N, C-alpha and C. Protein backbone atom coordinates (compact mmCIF):
# COMPACT_ATOMS: atom_id res chain seq x y z
N UNK A 1 0.84 -1.19 0.00
CA UNK A 1 0.00 0.00 0.00
C UNK A 1 0.87 1.25 0.00
N UNK A 2 0.58 2.20 -0.87
CA UNK A 2 1.40 3.40 -0.96
C UNK A 2 1.20 4.30 0.25
N UNK A 3 2.17 5.19 0.44
CA UNK A 3 2.08 6.12 1.56
C UNK A 3 0.86 7.03 1.44
N UNK A 4 0.55 7.42 0.21
CA UNK A 4 -0.61 8.30 -0.01
C UNK A 4 -1.90 7.57 0.37
N UNK A 5 -1.99 6.30 0.02
CA UNK A 5 -3.17 5.52 0.36
C UNK A 5 -3.31 5.37 1.87
N UNK A 6 -2.19 5.14 2.55
CA UNK A 6 -2.21 5.01 4.01
C UNK A 6 -2.66 6.31 4.65
N UNK A 7 -2.12 7.43 4.18
CA UNK A 7 -2.51 8.74 4.72
C UNK A 7 -3.99 9.01 4.47
N UNK A 8 -4.47 8.60 3.29
CA UNK A 8 -5.88 8.80 2.98
C UNK A 8 -6.79 8.00 3.89
N UNK A 9 -6.44 6.72 4.11
CA UNK A 9 -7.24 5.87 4.99
C UNK A 9 -7.19 6.37 6.43
N UNK A 10 -6.01 6.83 6.84
CA UNK A 10 -5.87 7.35 8.21
C UNK A 10 -6.72 8.59 8.40
N UNK A 11 -6.69 9.51 7.43
CA UNK A 11 -7.50 10.73 7.51
C UNK A 11 -8.99 10.40 7.52
N UNK A 12 -9.38 9.43 6.68
CA UNK A 12 -10.77 8.99 6.62
C UNK A 12 -11.20 8.43 7.98
N UNK A 13 -10.36 7.60 8.57
CA UNK A 13 -10.67 6.98 9.86
C UNK A 13 -10.80 8.02 10.97
N UNK A 14 -9.82 8.91 11.07
CA UNK A 14 -9.86 9.95 12.10
C UNK A 14 -11.06 10.87 11.93
N UNK A 15 -11.26 11.36 10.72
CA UNK A 15 -12.32 12.34 10.47
C UNK A 15 -13.69 11.77 10.76
N UNK A 16 -13.99 10.59 10.22
CA UNK A 16 -15.32 10.02 10.42
C UNK A 16 -15.54 9.57 11.86
N UNK A 17 -14.51 9.06 12.51
CA UNK A 17 -14.65 8.64 13.91
C UNK A 17 -15.02 9.82 14.79
N UNK A 18 -14.28 10.91 14.67
CA UNK A 18 -14.54 12.08 15.50
C UNK A 18 -15.84 12.76 15.12
N UNK A 19 -16.15 12.80 13.83
CA UNK A 19 -17.38 13.46 13.37
C UNK A 19 -18.62 12.71 13.85
N UNK A 20 -18.63 11.39 13.65
CA UNK A 20 -19.79 10.60 14.06
C UNK A 20 -19.92 10.59 15.58
N UNK A 21 -18.80 10.56 16.30
CA UNK A 21 -18.85 10.61 17.77
C UNK A 21 -19.52 11.90 18.23
N UNK A 22 -19.15 13.02 17.61
CA UNK A 22 -19.74 14.31 17.98
C UNK A 22 -21.22 14.37 17.64
N UNK A 23 -21.57 13.93 16.44
CA UNK A 23 -22.97 13.96 16.00
C UNK A 23 -23.83 13.05 16.86
N UNK A 24 -23.27 11.95 17.33
CA UNK A 24 -24.03 11.00 18.14
C UNK A 24 -24.46 11.58 19.48
N UNK A 25 -23.84 12.67 19.88
CA UNK A 25 -24.19 13.30 21.16
C UNK A 25 -25.19 14.44 20.98
N UNK A 26 -25.81 14.52 19.81
CA UNK A 26 -26.74 15.62 19.53
C UNK A 26 -27.95 15.61 20.46
N UNK A 27 -28.26 14.45 21.07
CA UNK A 27 -29.39 14.38 21.99
C UNK A 27 -29.16 15.22 23.25
N UNK A 28 -27.91 15.63 23.48
CA UNK A 28 -27.61 16.45 24.66
C UNK A 28 -28.08 17.89 24.49
N UNK A 29 -28.29 18.32 23.25
CA UNK A 29 -28.69 19.71 23.00
C UNK A 29 -30.04 19.82 22.30
N UNK A 30 -30.65 18.69 21.98
CA UNK A 30 -31.95 18.69 21.31
C UNK A 30 -32.78 17.54 21.85
N UNK A 31 -34.11 17.64 21.80
CA UNK A 31 -34.96 16.56 22.30
C UNK A 31 -34.69 15.24 21.56
N UNK A 32 -34.59 14.17 22.33
CA UNK A 32 -34.29 12.88 21.73
C UNK A 32 -35.35 12.47 20.71
N UNK A 33 -36.59 12.84 20.97
CA UNK A 33 -37.67 12.47 20.05
C UNK A 33 -37.45 13.06 18.67
N UNK A 34 -36.74 14.20 18.61
CA UNK A 34 -36.51 14.86 17.33
C UNK A 34 -35.26 14.35 16.63
N UNK A 35 -34.22 14.06 17.39
CA UNK A 35 -32.94 13.72 16.76
C UNK A 35 -32.61 12.23 16.77
N UNK A 36 -33.28 11.47 17.65
CA UNK A 36 -33.04 10.03 17.73
C UNK A 36 -34.37 9.32 17.98
N UNK A 37 -35.32 9.56 17.09
CA UNK A 37 -36.67 9.05 17.28
C UNK A 37 -36.75 7.55 17.42
N UNK A 38 -35.84 6.83 16.76
CA UNK A 38 -35.86 5.36 16.83
C UNK A 38 -35.37 4.83 18.17
N UNK A 39 -34.85 5.71 19.03
CA UNK A 39 -34.34 5.26 20.33
C UNK A 39 -35.26 5.65 21.49
N UNK A 40 -36.29 6.45 21.20
CA UNK A 40 -37.12 7.01 22.27
C UNK A 40 -37.78 5.93 23.12
N UNK A 41 -38.20 4.84 22.51
CA UNK A 41 -38.93 3.82 23.28
C UNK A 41 -38.07 3.20 24.37
N UNK A 42 -36.73 3.30 24.24
CA UNK A 42 -35.86 2.76 25.28
C UNK A 42 -35.89 3.62 26.55
N UNK A 43 -36.34 4.86 26.44
CA UNK A 43 -36.38 5.75 27.61
C UNK A 43 -37.28 5.18 28.71
N UNK A 44 -38.35 4.54 28.32
CA UNK A 44 -39.25 3.94 29.31
C UNK A 44 -38.93 2.47 29.55
N UNK A 45 -38.40 1.80 28.53
CA UNK A 45 -38.15 0.37 28.65
C UNK A 45 -36.83 0.05 29.33
N UNK A 46 -35.77 0.79 29.00
CA UNK A 46 -34.44 0.50 29.56
C UNK A 46 -33.61 1.78 29.59
N UNK A 47 -34.01 2.76 30.41
CA UNK A 47 -33.33 4.06 30.39
C UNK A 47 -31.86 4.02 30.79
N UNK A 48 -31.51 3.22 31.80
CA UNK A 48 -30.10 3.15 32.23
C UNK A 48 -29.24 2.55 31.13
N UNK A 49 -29.73 1.47 30.54
CA UNK A 49 -28.99 0.82 29.45
C UNK A 49 -28.85 1.77 28.26
N UNK A 50 -29.92 2.51 27.97
CA UNK A 50 -29.89 3.45 26.85
C UNK A 50 -28.80 4.49 27.04
N UNK A 51 -28.80 5.13 28.20
CA UNK A 51 -27.80 6.19 28.43
C UNK A 51 -26.39 5.62 28.55
N UNK A 52 -26.27 4.41 29.08
CA UNK A 52 -24.94 3.78 29.12
C UNK A 52 -24.40 3.62 27.71
N UNK A 53 -25.29 3.27 26.79
CA UNK A 53 -24.86 3.06 25.41
C UNK A 53 -24.63 4.37 24.67
N UNK A 54 -25.58 5.28 24.71
CA UNK A 54 -25.48 6.48 23.85
C UNK A 54 -24.49 7.51 24.40
N UNK A 55 -24.08 7.37 25.65
CA UNK A 55 -23.03 8.24 26.18
C UNK A 55 -21.65 7.60 26.02
N UNK A 56 -21.56 6.30 26.24
CA UNK A 56 -20.26 5.62 26.22
C UNK A 56 -19.79 5.28 24.80
N UNK A 57 -20.71 4.89 23.92
CA UNK A 57 -20.31 4.50 22.56
C UNK A 57 -19.63 5.64 21.81
N UNK A 58 -20.17 6.88 21.83
CA UNK A 58 -19.46 7.98 21.16
C UNK A 58 -18.08 8.25 21.76
N UNK A 59 -17.95 8.08 23.08
CA UNK A 59 -16.64 8.27 23.71
C UNK A 59 -15.66 7.22 23.22
N UNK A 60 -16.10 5.96 23.14
CA UNK A 60 -15.23 4.90 22.63
C UNK A 60 -14.81 5.19 21.19
N UNK A 61 -15.75 5.66 20.38
CA UNK A 61 -15.44 5.96 18.98
C UNK A 61 -14.46 7.12 18.87
N UNK A 62 -14.62 8.13 19.71
CA UNK A 62 -13.70 9.28 19.67
C UNK A 62 -12.30 8.90 20.13
N UNK A 63 -12.21 7.96 21.06
CA UNK A 63 -10.90 7.53 21.59
C UNK A 63 -10.22 6.50 20.71
N UNK A 64 -10.98 5.83 19.85
CA UNK A 64 -10.43 4.74 19.03
C UNK A 64 -9.21 5.15 18.21
N UNK A 65 -9.24 6.30 17.50
CA UNK A 65 -8.05 6.67 16.72
C UNK A 65 -6.81 6.87 17.58
N UNK A 66 -7.01 7.37 18.80
CA UNK A 66 -5.87 7.60 19.68
C UNK A 66 -5.24 6.29 20.13
N UNK A 67 -6.05 5.22 20.21
CA UNK A 67 -5.51 3.92 20.60
C UNK A 67 -4.62 3.32 19.53
N UNK A 68 -4.84 3.70 18.28
CA UNK A 68 -4.03 3.18 17.18
C UNK A 68 -2.91 4.13 16.79
N UNK A 69 -2.81 5.26 17.43
CA UNK A 69 -1.80 6.28 17.11
C UNK A 69 -0.45 5.84 17.70
N UNK A 70 0.42 5.35 16.85
CA UNK A 70 1.71 4.84 17.31
C UNK A 70 2.58 5.92 17.92
N UNK A 71 2.47 7.13 17.39
CA UNK A 71 3.27 8.23 17.92
C UNK A 71 2.93 8.52 19.37
N UNK A 72 1.66 8.46 19.72
CA UNK A 72 1.25 8.69 21.11
C UNK A 72 1.77 7.57 22.00
N UNK A 73 1.65 6.35 21.52
CA UNK A 73 2.10 5.20 22.32
C UNK A 73 3.60 5.26 22.60
N UNK A 74 4.38 5.71 21.61
CA UNK A 74 5.83 5.74 21.77
C UNK A 74 6.32 6.94 22.57
N UNK A 75 5.70 8.11 22.34
CA UNK A 75 6.20 9.32 22.99
C UNK A 75 5.53 9.62 24.33
N UNK A 76 4.26 9.17 24.48
CA UNK A 76 3.54 9.43 25.73
C UNK A 76 2.85 8.14 26.20
N UNK A 77 3.64 7.16 26.61
CA UNK A 77 3.06 5.87 26.99
C UNK A 77 2.05 5.98 28.14
N UNK A 78 2.28 6.88 29.09
CA UNK A 78 1.34 7.03 30.21
C UNK A 78 0.00 7.54 29.71
N UNK A 79 0.03 8.53 28.82
CA UNK A 79 -1.21 9.06 28.26
C UNK A 79 -1.91 7.98 27.43
N UNK A 80 -1.13 7.19 26.72
CA UNK A 80 -1.70 6.08 25.94
C UNK A 80 -2.45 5.11 26.86
N UNK A 81 -1.86 4.81 28.01
CA UNK A 81 -2.52 3.90 28.94
C UNK A 81 -3.80 4.52 29.51
N UNK A 82 -3.74 5.81 29.84
CA UNK A 82 -4.92 6.48 30.41
C UNK A 82 -6.07 6.52 29.41
N UNK A 83 -5.77 6.90 28.17
CA UNK A 83 -6.82 6.90 27.16
C UNK A 83 -7.28 5.48 26.87
N UNK A 84 -6.36 4.52 27.01
CA UNK A 84 -6.73 3.12 26.81
C UNK A 84 -7.73 2.65 27.85
N UNK A 85 -7.49 3.01 29.12
CA UNK A 85 -8.44 2.64 30.17
C UNK A 85 -9.80 3.28 29.92
N UNK A 86 -9.78 4.54 29.46
CA UNK A 86 -11.04 5.22 29.16
C UNK A 86 -11.76 4.53 28.00
N UNK A 87 -10.99 4.12 26.99
CA UNK A 87 -11.58 3.43 25.84
C UNK A 87 -12.21 2.10 26.27
N UNK A 88 -11.48 1.35 27.09
CA UNK A 88 -11.98 0.06 27.55
C UNK A 88 -13.26 0.24 28.37
N UNK A 89 -13.25 1.20 29.30
CA UNK A 89 -14.43 1.45 30.13
C UNK A 89 -15.63 1.83 29.28
N UNK A 90 -15.40 2.74 28.33
CA UNK A 90 -16.50 3.19 27.46
C UNK A 90 -17.03 2.04 26.61
N UNK A 91 -16.13 1.22 26.09
CA UNK A 91 -16.52 0.10 25.24
C UNK A 91 -17.35 -0.92 26.02
N UNK A 92 -16.89 -1.28 27.20
CA UNK A 92 -17.60 -2.28 28.00
C UNK A 92 -18.97 -1.76 28.43
N UNK A 93 -19.04 -0.50 28.87
CA UNK A 93 -20.33 0.08 29.27
C UNK A 93 -21.30 0.13 28.09
N UNK A 94 -20.78 0.58 26.93
CA UNK A 94 -21.64 0.66 25.75
C UNK A 94 -22.10 -0.72 25.30
N UNK A 95 -21.20 -1.69 25.36
CA UNK A 95 -21.56 -3.05 24.97
C UNK A 95 -22.60 -3.67 25.89
N UNK A 96 -22.41 -3.49 27.20
CA UNK A 96 -23.40 -4.01 28.15
C UNK A 96 -24.74 -3.31 27.95
N UNK A 97 -24.69 -1.99 27.73
CA UNK A 97 -25.92 -1.26 27.46
C UNK A 97 -26.65 -1.82 26.26
N UNK A 98 -25.90 -2.13 25.20
CA UNK A 98 -26.51 -2.72 24.00
C UNK A 98 -27.20 -4.04 24.31
N UNK A 99 -26.54 -4.88 25.08
CA UNK A 99 -27.13 -6.19 25.42
C UNK A 99 -28.41 -6.03 26.23
N UNK A 100 -28.41 -5.08 27.15
CA UNK A 100 -29.59 -4.86 27.99
C UNK A 100 -30.74 -4.21 27.23
N UNK A 101 -30.41 -3.54 26.14
CA UNK A 101 -31.45 -2.92 25.30
C UNK A 101 -32.10 -3.93 24.36
N UNK A 102 -31.41 -5.01 24.04
CA UNK A 102 -31.88 -5.94 23.02
C UNK A 102 -33.27 -6.56 23.30
N UNK A 103 -33.64 -6.85 24.56
CA UNK A 103 -34.99 -7.39 24.78
C UNK A 103 -36.10 -6.45 24.30
N UNK A 104 -35.78 -5.18 24.13
CA UNK A 104 -36.77 -4.20 23.71
C UNK A 104 -36.53 -3.74 22.26
N UNK A 105 -35.67 -4.45 21.58
CA UNK A 105 -35.32 -4.13 20.19
C UNK A 105 -36.54 -4.32 19.29
N UNK A 106 -36.75 -3.40 18.36
CA UNK A 106 -37.95 -3.43 17.52
C UNK A 106 -37.73 -4.10 16.17
N UNK A 107 -36.50 -4.52 15.88
CA UNK A 107 -36.24 -5.17 14.61
C UNK A 107 -36.50 -6.67 14.68
N UNK A 108 -36.08 -7.37 13.65
CA UNK A 108 -36.29 -8.82 13.56
C UNK A 108 -35.29 -9.57 14.44
N UNK A 109 -35.55 -10.87 14.61
CA UNK A 109 -34.62 -11.71 15.36
C UNK A 109 -33.28 -11.81 14.63
N UNK A 110 -33.33 -11.79 13.31
CA UNK A 110 -32.10 -11.85 12.52
C UNK A 110 -31.23 -10.62 12.80
N UNK A 111 -31.85 -9.44 12.80
CA UNK A 111 -31.11 -8.21 13.09
C UNK A 111 -30.63 -8.19 14.54
N UNK A 112 -31.49 -8.64 15.45
CA UNK A 112 -31.11 -8.68 16.86
C UNK A 112 -29.90 -9.58 17.07
N UNK A 113 -29.85 -10.70 16.35
CA UNK A 113 -28.71 -11.62 16.47
C UNK A 113 -27.42 -10.94 16.03
N UNK A 114 -27.50 -10.14 14.97
CA UNK A 114 -26.32 -9.42 14.51
C UNK A 114 -25.79 -8.45 15.55
N UNK A 115 -26.69 -7.68 16.15
CA UNK A 115 -26.26 -6.72 17.17
C UNK A 115 -25.82 -7.43 18.45
N UNK A 116 -26.43 -8.58 18.75
CA UNK A 116 -26.04 -9.36 19.93
C UNK A 116 -24.59 -9.85 19.79
N UNK A 117 -24.28 -10.44 18.65
CA UNK A 117 -22.92 -10.93 18.43
C UNK A 117 -21.93 -9.77 18.39
N UNK A 118 -22.34 -8.67 17.79
CA UNK A 118 -21.48 -7.49 17.75
C UNK A 118 -21.12 -7.02 19.16
N UNK A 119 -22.11 -6.94 20.04
CA UNK A 119 -21.87 -6.48 21.41
C UNK A 119 -20.95 -7.43 22.16
N UNK A 120 -21.19 -8.74 22.00
CA UNK A 120 -20.33 -9.72 22.68
C UNK A 120 -18.90 -9.63 22.19
N UNK A 121 -18.70 -9.51 20.88
CA UNK A 121 -17.36 -9.39 20.34
C UNK A 121 -16.71 -8.09 20.79
N UNK A 122 -17.47 -7.02 20.83
CA UNK A 122 -16.95 -5.72 21.24
C UNK A 122 -16.36 -5.80 22.64
N UNK A 123 -17.14 -6.39 23.55
CA UNK A 123 -16.67 -6.52 24.93
C UNK A 123 -15.52 -7.53 25.01
N UNK A 124 -15.69 -8.68 24.38
CA UNK A 124 -14.71 -9.75 24.49
C UNK A 124 -13.36 -9.40 23.90
N UNK A 125 -13.36 -8.82 22.70
CA UNK A 125 -12.09 -8.46 22.05
C UNK A 125 -11.36 -7.39 22.85
N UNK A 126 -12.12 -6.44 23.39
CA UNK A 126 -11.49 -5.35 24.16
C UNK A 126 -10.87 -5.89 25.45
N UNK A 127 -11.62 -6.69 26.19
CA UNK A 127 -11.09 -7.23 27.44
C UNK A 127 -9.93 -8.19 27.20
N UNK A 128 -9.98 -8.92 26.09
CA UNK A 128 -8.85 -9.79 25.74
C UNK A 128 -7.60 -8.95 25.49
N UNK A 129 -7.78 -7.82 24.83
CA UNK A 129 -6.66 -6.92 24.59
C UNK A 129 -6.05 -6.41 25.88
N UNK A 130 -6.91 -6.08 26.85
CA UNK A 130 -6.43 -5.61 28.16
C UNK A 130 -5.64 -6.71 28.86
N UNK A 131 -6.19 -7.92 28.85
CA UNK A 131 -5.52 -9.05 29.50
C UNK A 131 -4.14 -9.28 28.91
N UNK A 132 -4.03 -9.19 27.58
CA UNK A 132 -2.74 -9.42 26.91
C UNK A 132 -1.75 -8.31 27.25
N UNK A 133 -2.22 -7.09 27.36
CA UNK A 133 -1.33 -5.99 27.73
C UNK A 133 -0.78 -6.20 29.13
N UNK A 134 -1.65 -6.58 30.06
CA UNK A 134 -1.22 -6.80 31.43
C UNK A 134 -0.30 -8.00 31.55
N UNK A 135 -0.43 -8.94 30.60
CA UNK A 135 0.44 -10.12 30.59
C UNK A 135 1.77 -9.83 29.91
N UNK A 136 1.89 -8.65 29.33
CA UNK A 136 3.15 -8.26 28.68
C UNK A 136 3.26 -8.64 27.22
N UNK A 137 2.21 -9.20 26.65
CA UNK A 137 2.24 -9.58 25.23
C UNK A 137 1.68 -8.41 24.41
N UNK A 138 2.53 -7.43 24.18
CA UNK A 138 2.05 -6.18 23.57
C UNK A 138 1.72 -6.34 22.09
N UNK A 139 2.38 -7.26 21.41
CA UNK A 139 2.07 -7.48 20.00
C UNK A 139 0.66 -8.05 19.85
N UNK A 140 0.34 -9.05 20.66
CA UNK A 140 -1.01 -9.63 20.62
C UNK A 140 -2.04 -8.61 21.11
N UNK A 141 -1.66 -7.80 22.11
CA UNK A 141 -2.54 -6.75 22.61
C UNK A 141 -2.94 -5.81 21.48
N UNK A 142 -1.98 -5.39 20.67
CA UNK A 142 -2.29 -4.47 19.58
C UNK A 142 -3.20 -5.12 18.55
N UNK A 143 -3.01 -6.42 18.31
CA UNK A 143 -3.88 -7.11 17.35
C UNK A 143 -5.33 -7.14 17.84
N UNK A 144 -5.52 -7.42 19.11
CA UNK A 144 -6.89 -7.51 19.63
C UNK A 144 -7.54 -6.14 19.76
N UNK A 145 -6.75 -5.12 20.08
CA UNK A 145 -7.33 -3.78 20.13
C UNK A 145 -7.69 -3.31 18.73
N UNK A 146 -6.92 -3.69 17.74
CA UNK A 146 -7.27 -3.36 16.36
C UNK A 146 -8.60 -4.01 15.98
N UNK A 147 -8.80 -5.25 16.41
CA UNK A 147 -10.08 -5.93 16.17
C UNK A 147 -11.21 -5.21 16.91
N UNK A 148 -10.94 -4.81 18.15
CA UNK A 148 -11.93 -4.09 18.93
C UNK A 148 -12.32 -2.79 18.23
N UNK A 149 -11.33 -2.06 17.74
CA UNK A 149 -11.59 -0.80 17.06
C UNK A 149 -12.38 -1.03 15.77
N UNK A 150 -12.15 -2.15 15.12
CA UNK A 150 -12.92 -2.49 13.91
C UNK A 150 -14.40 -2.58 14.25
N UNK A 151 -14.71 -3.17 15.41
CA UNK A 151 -16.11 -3.25 15.83
C UNK A 151 -16.62 -1.87 16.25
N UNK A 152 -15.80 -1.11 16.96
CA UNK A 152 -16.18 0.25 17.35
C UNK A 152 -16.52 1.09 16.14
N UNK A 153 -15.73 0.94 15.08
CA UNK A 153 -15.96 1.71 13.85
C UNK A 153 -17.26 1.30 13.17
N UNK A 154 -17.89 0.24 13.66
CA UNK A 154 -19.19 -0.15 13.16
C UNK A 154 -20.22 0.96 13.29
N UNK A 155 -20.03 1.86 14.27
CA UNK A 155 -20.93 3.00 14.41
C UNK A 155 -20.89 3.89 13.17
N UNK A 156 -19.70 4.00 12.57
CA UNK A 156 -19.55 4.78 11.34
C UNK A 156 -20.08 3.99 10.16
N UNK A 157 -19.70 2.73 10.06
CA UNK A 157 -20.15 1.89 8.95
C UNK A 157 -21.67 1.81 8.90
N UNK A 158 -22.29 1.68 10.06
CA UNK A 158 -23.74 1.59 10.12
C UNK A 158 -24.39 2.80 9.46
N UNK A 159 -23.88 3.98 9.77
CA UNK A 159 -24.46 5.20 9.21
C UNK A 159 -24.18 5.34 7.71
N UNK A 160 -23.00 4.90 7.29
CA UNK A 160 -22.67 4.97 5.87
C UNK A 160 -23.56 4.04 5.05
N UNK A 161 -23.92 2.90 5.63
CA UNK A 161 -24.80 1.95 4.93
C UNK A 161 -26.26 2.39 5.05
N UNK A 162 -26.62 2.90 6.22
CA UNK A 162 -28.01 3.26 6.48
C UNK A 162 -28.49 4.44 5.63
N UNK A 163 -27.62 5.43 5.46
CA UNK A 163 -28.03 6.67 4.78
C UNK A 163 -28.62 6.43 3.39
N UNK A 164 -27.94 5.70 2.49
CA UNK A 164 -28.53 5.48 1.16
C UNK A 164 -29.79 4.63 1.20
N UNK A 165 -29.91 3.72 2.17
CA UNK A 165 -31.11 2.90 2.28
C UNK A 165 -32.31 3.76 2.68
N UNK A 166 -32.09 4.66 3.64
CA UNK A 166 -33.16 5.56 4.05
C UNK A 166 -33.54 6.50 2.91
N UNK A 167 -32.54 6.92 2.13
CA UNK A 167 -32.81 7.78 0.98
C UNK A 167 -33.70 7.08 -0.05
N UNK A 168 -33.66 5.75 -0.06
CA UNK A 168 -34.49 4.97 -0.98
C UNK A 168 -35.87 4.64 -0.40
N UNK A 169 -36.11 5.13 0.82
CA UNK A 169 -37.43 4.93 1.41
C UNK A 169 -37.51 3.90 2.51
N UNK A 170 -36.39 3.27 2.87
CA UNK A 170 -36.40 2.30 3.96
C UNK A 170 -36.60 3.02 5.30
N UNK A 171 -37.25 2.37 6.25
CA UNK A 171 -37.32 2.90 7.60
C UNK A 171 -36.04 2.52 8.33
N UNK A 172 -35.78 3.17 9.46
CA UNK A 172 -34.58 2.83 10.23
C UNK A 172 -34.61 1.37 10.65
N UNK A 173 -35.77 0.91 11.12
CA UNK A 173 -35.88 -0.49 11.56
C UNK A 173 -35.62 -1.45 10.40
N UNK A 174 -36.10 -1.12 9.23
CA UNK A 174 -35.87 -1.98 8.06
C UNK A 174 -34.39 -2.06 7.70
N UNK A 175 -33.67 -0.96 7.88
CA UNK A 175 -32.24 -0.97 7.53
C UNK A 175 -31.44 -1.90 8.44
N UNK A 176 -31.98 -2.20 9.62
CA UNK A 176 -31.27 -3.09 10.54
C UNK A 176 -31.07 -4.49 9.95
N UNK A 177 -31.92 -4.89 9.01
CA UNK A 177 -31.78 -6.19 8.38
C UNK A 177 -30.41 -6.33 7.70
N UNK A 178 -29.86 -5.21 7.28
CA UNK A 178 -28.55 -5.20 6.63
C UNK A 178 -27.48 -4.69 7.59
N UNK A 179 -27.73 -3.56 8.24
CA UNK A 179 -26.68 -2.91 9.05
C UNK A 179 -26.30 -3.71 10.28
N UNK A 180 -27.23 -4.50 10.82
CA UNK A 180 -26.91 -5.26 12.05
C UNK A 180 -25.74 -6.20 11.86
N UNK A 181 -25.51 -6.62 10.63
CA UNK A 181 -24.38 -7.50 10.32
C UNK A 181 -23.31 -6.78 9.51
N UNK A 182 -23.75 -5.96 8.55
CA UNK A 182 -22.81 -5.35 7.61
C UNK A 182 -22.00 -4.21 8.22
N UNK A 183 -22.41 -3.70 9.39
CA UNK A 183 -21.67 -2.57 9.97
C UNK A 183 -20.38 -3.02 10.66
N UNK A 184 -20.30 -4.30 11.04
CA UNK A 184 -19.11 -4.75 11.77
C UNK A 184 -18.39 -5.95 11.15
N UNK A 185 -19.14 -6.84 10.51
CA UNK A 185 -18.51 -8.05 9.97
C UNK A 185 -17.47 -7.77 8.89
N UNK A 186 -17.77 -6.92 7.88
CA UNK A 186 -16.73 -6.59 6.89
C UNK A 186 -15.51 -5.92 7.52
N UNK A 187 -15.74 -5.10 8.55
CA UNK A 187 -14.61 -4.45 9.23
C UNK A 187 -13.66 -5.48 9.83
N UNK A 188 -14.24 -6.47 10.52
CA UNK A 188 -13.41 -7.51 11.14
C UNK A 188 -12.71 -8.36 10.09
N UNK A 189 -13.40 -8.66 9.00
CA UNK A 189 -12.78 -9.44 7.93
C UNK A 189 -11.60 -8.68 7.34
N UNK A 190 -11.78 -7.38 7.13
CA UNK A 190 -10.70 -6.56 6.58
C UNK A 190 -9.50 -6.53 7.51
N UNK A 191 -9.75 -6.43 8.81
CA UNK A 191 -8.66 -6.42 9.79
C UNK A 191 -7.94 -7.76 9.79
N UNK A 192 -8.67 -8.87 9.71
CA UNK A 192 -8.03 -10.18 9.70
C UNK A 192 -7.17 -10.37 8.45
N UNK A 193 -7.65 -9.89 7.32
CA UNK A 193 -6.86 -9.96 6.09
C UNK A 193 -5.58 -9.15 6.25
N UNK A 194 -5.71 -7.97 6.83
CA UNK A 194 -4.54 -7.11 7.06
C UNK A 194 -3.54 -7.79 7.99
N UNK A 195 -4.02 -8.35 9.10
CA UNK A 195 -3.13 -8.98 10.06
C UNK A 195 -2.43 -10.20 9.48
N UNK A 196 -3.14 -10.97 8.68
CA UNK A 196 -2.52 -12.14 8.05
C UNK A 196 -1.45 -11.72 7.04
N UNK A 197 -1.76 -10.68 6.27
CA UNK A 197 -0.79 -10.19 5.30
C UNK A 197 0.44 -9.63 6.01
N UNK A 198 0.22 -8.95 7.12
CA UNK A 198 1.33 -8.39 7.87
C UNK A 198 2.20 -9.48 8.47
N UNK A 199 1.57 -10.55 8.98
CA UNK A 199 2.35 -11.65 9.57
C UNK A 199 3.18 -12.37 8.53
N UNK A 200 2.69 -12.43 7.29
CA UNK A 200 3.45 -13.09 6.22
C UNK A 200 4.66 -12.25 5.80
N UNK A 201 4.52 -10.92 5.93
CA UNK A 201 5.65 -10.05 5.57
C UNK A 201 6.72 -10.03 6.64
N UNK A 202 6.32 -10.37 7.87
CA UNK A 202 7.28 -10.33 8.97
C UNK A 202 8.33 -11.40 8.79
N UNK A 203 9.58 -11.12 9.22
CA UNK A 203 10.66 -12.12 9.07
C UNK A 203 10.41 -13.32 9.98
């Protein structure tokens, strides 16, 4: 991959992660019924889980690029660890919130299964990364955090897939038939392909 392509992908990742994280917090300045109408029913059904998810998930997404920033890890290792703990906390809270919201999910069982597996992987991959870091296996730690970030970036992928479907007349709930799986599975597959290619290049 050329340097220009790498810079382009990096800029794309940083820009969309921070932009979507900021936009996801719009409910803080506007009524949820107006800006997140598809989430309003959770206010009565699972309010704690809802706020755990919609507050923590944007934080995890905003912190994700910093976790992959090699310059920060090398020059400010303490700051890298602090932001890492914040990322892990946000990810686990958001993932648990997602699981607790699922009994009140309005989509199909097929879509619910996609989000269920996504939440389990999100929590599991992140905690596995923490365990490996504490065990001193930093190479494996970076691989698992990369996988975790791939799932975190599902918040961006979901919106990129959902927007054209809604433009064609689909409802938000209808788009879940595709986004519940397509927002995270291709991301993980891409990361696995990258990691395998990288391991083959290694001496």
